[in-house]
Amino acid sequence: MQAYRAYYENGRIIPLGNPAIPEGSEIILTVLEPQAKNRAEQQRKAFIKFMAAMANTPPLTDEFDEIINQRVNIRREVEL
């Protein structure tokens, strides 16, 4: 089995380079998730996903305010 990279454009699959695929070959097609072009695009997509999740999140309970008033640190870093 041999793998080739390609992209999809205007309803056509365009291989990268000029792979020599024998005529009549059976093809298995795997569609990958579109990759962000750069870090800014990754961050933009993460922010949009975050905002959508926040829109569907119910308000915080009074218990949350009590925990914060006790100065409990719930901060953590997220890698984007």
N, C-alpha and C. Protein backbone atom coordinates (compact mmCIF):
# COMPACT_ATOMS: atom_id res chain seq x y z
N MET A 1 0.86 -1.17 0.00
CA MET A 1 0.00 0.00 0.00
C MET A 1 0.90 1.23 0.00
N GLN A 2 0.56 2.20 -0.79
CA GLN A 2 1.32 3.45 -0.91
C GLN A 2 0.38 4.62 -0.61
N ALA A 3 0.86 5.62 0.11
CA ALA A 3 0.06 6.79 0.45
C ALA A 3 0.58 8.00 -0.33
N TYR A 4 -0.34 8.83 -0.78
CA TYR A 4 -0.01 10.06 -1.51
C TYR A 4 -0.78 11.22 -0.89
N ARG A 5 -0.17 12.37 -0.81
CA ARG A 5 -0.86 13.56 -0.31
C ARG A 5 -1.53 14.27 -1.48
N ALA A 6 -2.70 14.84 -1.19
CA ALA A 6 -3.46 15.56 -2.20
C ALA A 6 -4.34 16.58 -1.48
N TYR A 7 -4.98 17.44 -2.25
CA TYR A 7 -5.95 18.37 -1.68
C TYR A 7 -7.19 18.38 -2.56
N TYR A 8 -8.28 18.86 -2.00
CA TYR A 8 -9.57 18.88 -2.68
C TYR A 8 -9.89 20.32 -3.07
N GLU A 9 -10.18 20.54 -4.33
CA GLU A 9 -10.45 21.89 -4.82
C GLU A 9 -11.44 21.83 -5.96
N ASN A 10 -12.49 22.62 -5.87
CA ASN A 10 -13.50 22.73 -6.93
C ASN A 10 -14.04 21.36 -7.36
N GLY A 11 -14.32 20.50 -6.38
CA GLY A 11 -14.90 19.20 -6.68
C GLY A 11 -13.93 18.17 -7.24
N ARG A 12 -12.63 18.46 -7.21
CA ARG A 12 -11.63 17.53 -7.74
C ARG A 12 -10.56 17.25 -6.72
N ILE A 13 -9.99 16.07 -6.75
CA ILE A 13 -8.86 15.70 -5.90
C ILE A 13 -7.58 15.95 -6.70
N ILE A 14 -6.72 16.82 -6.16
CA ILE A 14 -5.49 17.22 -6.85
C ILE A 14 -4.30 16.63 -6.08
N PRO A 15 -3.58 15.64 -6.64
CA PRO A 15 -2.42 15.09 -5.94
C PRO A 15 -1.27 16.09 -5.91
N LEU A 16 -0.51 16.05 -4.82
CA LEU A 16 0.69 16.89 -4.73
C LEU A 16 1.81 16.16 -5.46
N GLY A 17 2.50 16.86 -6.30
CA GLY A 17 3.54 16.23 -7.12
C GLY A 17 2.87 15.49 -8.27
N ASN A 18 3.57 14.52 -8.82
CA ASN A 18 3.04 13.75 -9.94
C ASN A 18 3.25 12.26 -9.64
N PRO A 19 2.44 11.70 -8.71
CA PRO A 19 2.66 10.30 -8.33
C PRO A 19 2.35 9.36 -9.49
N ALA A 20 3.13 8.32 -9.60
CA ALA A 20 2.92 7.30 -10.64
C ALA A 20 1.99 6.23 -10.07
N ILE A 21 0.70 6.38 -10.31
CA ILE A 21 -0.30 5.42 -9.83
C ILE A 21 -0.68 4.53 -11.01
N PRO A 22 -0.48 3.22 -10.86
CA PRO A 22 -0.79 2.32 -11.97
C PRO A 22 -2.27 2.37 -12.35
N GLU A 23 -2.55 2.33 -13.64
CA GLU A 23 -3.91 2.34 -14.16
C GLU A 23 -4.70 1.18 -13.58
N GLY A 24 -5.93 1.44 -13.20
CA GLY A 24 -6.80 0.40 -12.65
C GLY A 24 -6.57 0.11 -11.18
N SER A 25 -5.73 0.91 -10.52
CA SER A 25 -5.46 0.70 -9.10
C SER A 25 -6.71 0.97 -8.27
N GLU A 26 -6.91 0.16 -7.23
CA GLU A 26 -7.98 0.41 -6.27
C GLU A 26 -7.48 1.47 -5.30
N ILE A 27 -8.33 2.45 -4.98
CA ILE A 27 -7.93 3.59 -4.15
C ILE A 27 -8.75 3.60 -2.86
N ILE A 28 -8.10 3.82 -1.73
CA ILE A 28 -8.76 4.07 -0.46
C ILE A 28 -8.55 5.54 -0.16
N LEU A 29 -9.64 6.28 0.00
CA LEU A 29 -9.56 7.72 0.21
C LEU A 29 -9.83 8.05 1.67
N THR A 30 -8.91 8.74 2.31
CA THR A 30 -9.07 9.20 3.69
C THR A 30 -9.09 10.72 3.66
N VAL A 31 -10.16 11.31 4.17
CA VAL A 31 -10.29 12.77 4.19
C VAL A 31 -9.85 13.26 5.57
N LEU A 32 -8.84 14.10 5.61
CA LEU A 32 -8.31 14.65 6.85
C LEU A 32 -9.03 15.95 7.19
N GLU A 33 -9.03 16.30 8.47
CA GLU A 33 -9.58 17.58 8.89
C GLU A 33 -8.73 18.69 8.29
N PRO A 34 -9.36 19.77 7.83
CA PRO A 34 -8.56 20.88 7.31
C PRO A 34 -7.63 21.43 8.39
N GLN A 35 -6.39 21.68 8.04
CA GLN A 35 -5.41 22.19 8.98
C GLN A 35 -5.39 23.71 8.92
N ALA A 36 -5.25 24.32 10.08
CA ALA A 36 -5.15 25.78 10.14
C ALA A 36 -3.86 26.21 9.44
N LYS A 37 -3.91 27.33 8.79
CA LYS A 37 -2.76 27.83 8.03
C LYS A 37 -1.61 28.25 8.95
N ASN A 38 -1.94 28.85 10.10
CA ASN A 38 -0.89 29.32 10.98
C ASN A 38 -1.42 29.40 12.41
N ARG A 39 -0.58 29.82 13.32
CA ARG A 39 -0.97 29.88 14.74
C ARG A 39 -2.15 30.83 14.96
N ALA A 40 -2.16 31.96 14.28
CA ALA A 40 -3.27 32.91 14.45
C ALA A 40 -4.59 32.27 14.05
N GLU A 41 -4.59 31.50 12.97
CA GLU A 41 -5.80 30.82 12.53
C GLU A 41 -6.22 29.75 13.55
N GLN A 42 -5.26 29.04 14.13
CA GLN A 42 -5.57 28.04 15.16
C GLN A 42 -6.20 28.72 16.37
N GLN A 43 -5.65 29.85 16.77
CA GLN A 43 -6.19 30.57 17.92
C GLN A 43 -7.59 31.10 17.63
N ARG A 44 -7.81 31.59 16.41
CA ARG A 44 -9.13 32.10 16.03
C ARG A 44 -10.17 30.98 16.10
N LYS A 45 -9.82 29.81 15.56
CA LYS A 45 -10.74 28.69 15.60
C LYS A 45 -11.01 28.24 17.04
N ALA A 46 -9.97 28.23 17.88
CA ALA A 46 -10.14 27.86 19.29
C ALA A 46 -11.05 28.85 20.00
N PHE A 47 -10.91 30.13 19.69
CA PHE A 47 -11.74 31.16 20.32
C PHE A 47 -13.20 31.01 19.89
N ILE A 48 -13.43 30.75 18.62
CA ILE A 48 -14.80 30.55 18.13
C ILE A 48 -15.43 29.34 18.80
N LYS A 49 -14.66 28.26 18.94
CA LYS A 49 -15.15 27.05 19.61
C LYS A 49 -15.46 27.35 21.08
N PHE A 50 -14.58 28.13 21.75
CA PHE A 50 -14.80 28.51 23.14
C PHE A 50 -16.07 29.34 23.28
N MET A 51 -16.26 30.32 22.42
CA MET A 51 -17.44 31.19 22.50
C MET A 51 -18.73 30.39 22.28
N ALA A 52 -18.70 29.42 21.37
CA ALA A 52 -19.87 28.58 21.14
C ALA A 52 -20.18 27.74 22.39
N ALA A 53 -19.14 27.23 23.03
CA ALA A 53 -19.33 26.45 24.25
C ALA A 53 -19.87 27.33 25.37
N MET A 54 -19.38 28.56 25.48
CA MET A 54 -19.86 29.48 26.51
C MET A 54 -21.32 29.86 26.30
N ALA A 55 -21.73 29.98 25.05
CA ALA A 55 -23.12 30.33 24.74
C ALA A 55 -24.07 29.23 25.19
N ASN A 56 -23.58 27.99 25.27
CA ASN A 56 -24.42 26.85 25.66
C ASN A 56 -24.17 26.42 27.11
N THR A 57 -23.49 27.25 27.89
CA THR A 57 -23.17 26.93 29.27
C THR A 57 -24.13 27.67 30.20
N PRO A 58 -24.75 26.96 31.15
CA PRO A 58 -25.65 27.66 32.08
C PRO A 58 -24.86 28.58 33.01
N PRO A 59 -25.54 29.53 33.65
CA PRO A 59 -24.85 30.43 34.58
C PRO A 59 -24.23 29.65 35.74
N LEU A 60 -23.17 30.22 36.30
CA LEU A 60 -22.49 29.58 37.44
C LEU A 60 -23.38 29.67 38.68
N THR A 61 -23.22 28.69 39.55
CA THR A 61 -24.02 28.64 40.77
C THR A 61 -23.41 29.54 41.85
N ASP A 62 -24.15 29.75 42.92
CA ASP A 62 -23.64 30.52 44.06
C ASP A 62 -22.44 29.81 44.69
N GLU A 63 -22.40 28.48 44.58
CA GLU A 63 -21.28 27.71 45.12
C GLU A 63 -19.96 28.15 44.48
N PHE A 64 -19.99 28.48 43.21
CA PHE A 64 -18.77 28.93 42.53
C PHE A 64 -18.26 30.22 43.17
N ASP A 65 -19.17 31.17 43.43
CA ASP A 65 -18.76 32.43 44.07
C ASP A 65 -18.17 32.17 45.45
N GLU A 66 -18.73 31.23 46.20
CA GLU A 66 -18.20 30.90 47.52
C GLU A 66 -16.77 30.35 47.41
N ILE A 67 -16.54 29.51 46.44
CA ILE A 67 -15.19 28.94 46.23
C ILE A 67 -14.20 30.04 45.88
N ILE A 68 -14.58 30.94 45.00
CA ILE A 68 -13.70 32.04 44.59
C ILE A 68 -13.41 32.95 45.79
N ASN A 69 -14.43 33.19 46.63
CA ASN A 69 -14.23 34.04 47.81
C ASN A 69 -13.23 33.43 48.78
N GLN A 70 -13.02 32.12 48.73
CA GLN A 70 -12.04 31.46 49.58
C GLN A 70 -10.64 31.51 48.95
N ARG A 71 -10.53 32.20 47.84
CA ARG A 71 -9.28 32.39 47.11
C ARG A 71 -8.67 31.07 46.64
N VAL A 72 -9.51 30.17 46.22
CA VAL A 72 -9.05 28.91 45.64
C VAL A 72 -8.60 29.20 44.22
N ASN A 73 -7.40 28.75 43.87
CA ASN A 73 -6.86 29.01 42.54
C ASN A 73 -7.27 27.86 41.61
N ILE A 74 -8.12 28.17 40.63
CA ILE A 74 -8.55 27.14 39.66
C ILE A 74 -7.97 27.44 38.28
N ARG A 75 -6.94 28.24 38.24
CA ARG A 75 -6.33 28.61 36.96
C ARG A 75 -5.48 27.46 36.41
N ARG A 76 -5.53 27.31 35.12
CA ARG A 76 -4.63 26.36 34.46
C ARG A 76 -4.37 26.86 33.04
N GLU A 77 -3.26 26.46 32.51
CA GLU A 77 -2.90 26.89 31.16
C GLU A 77 -3.39 25.87 30.14
N VAL A 78 -3.77 26.38 28.99
CA VAL A 78 -4.26 25.52 27.91
C VAL A 78 -3.35 25.73 26.70
N GLU A 79 -2.85 24.66 26.13
CA GLU A 79 -2.01 24.75 24.93
C GLU A 79 -2.92 24.81 23.71
N LEU A 80 -2.73 25.81 22.88
CA LEU A 80 -3.51 25.94 21.64
C LEU A 80 -2.70 25.51 20.46
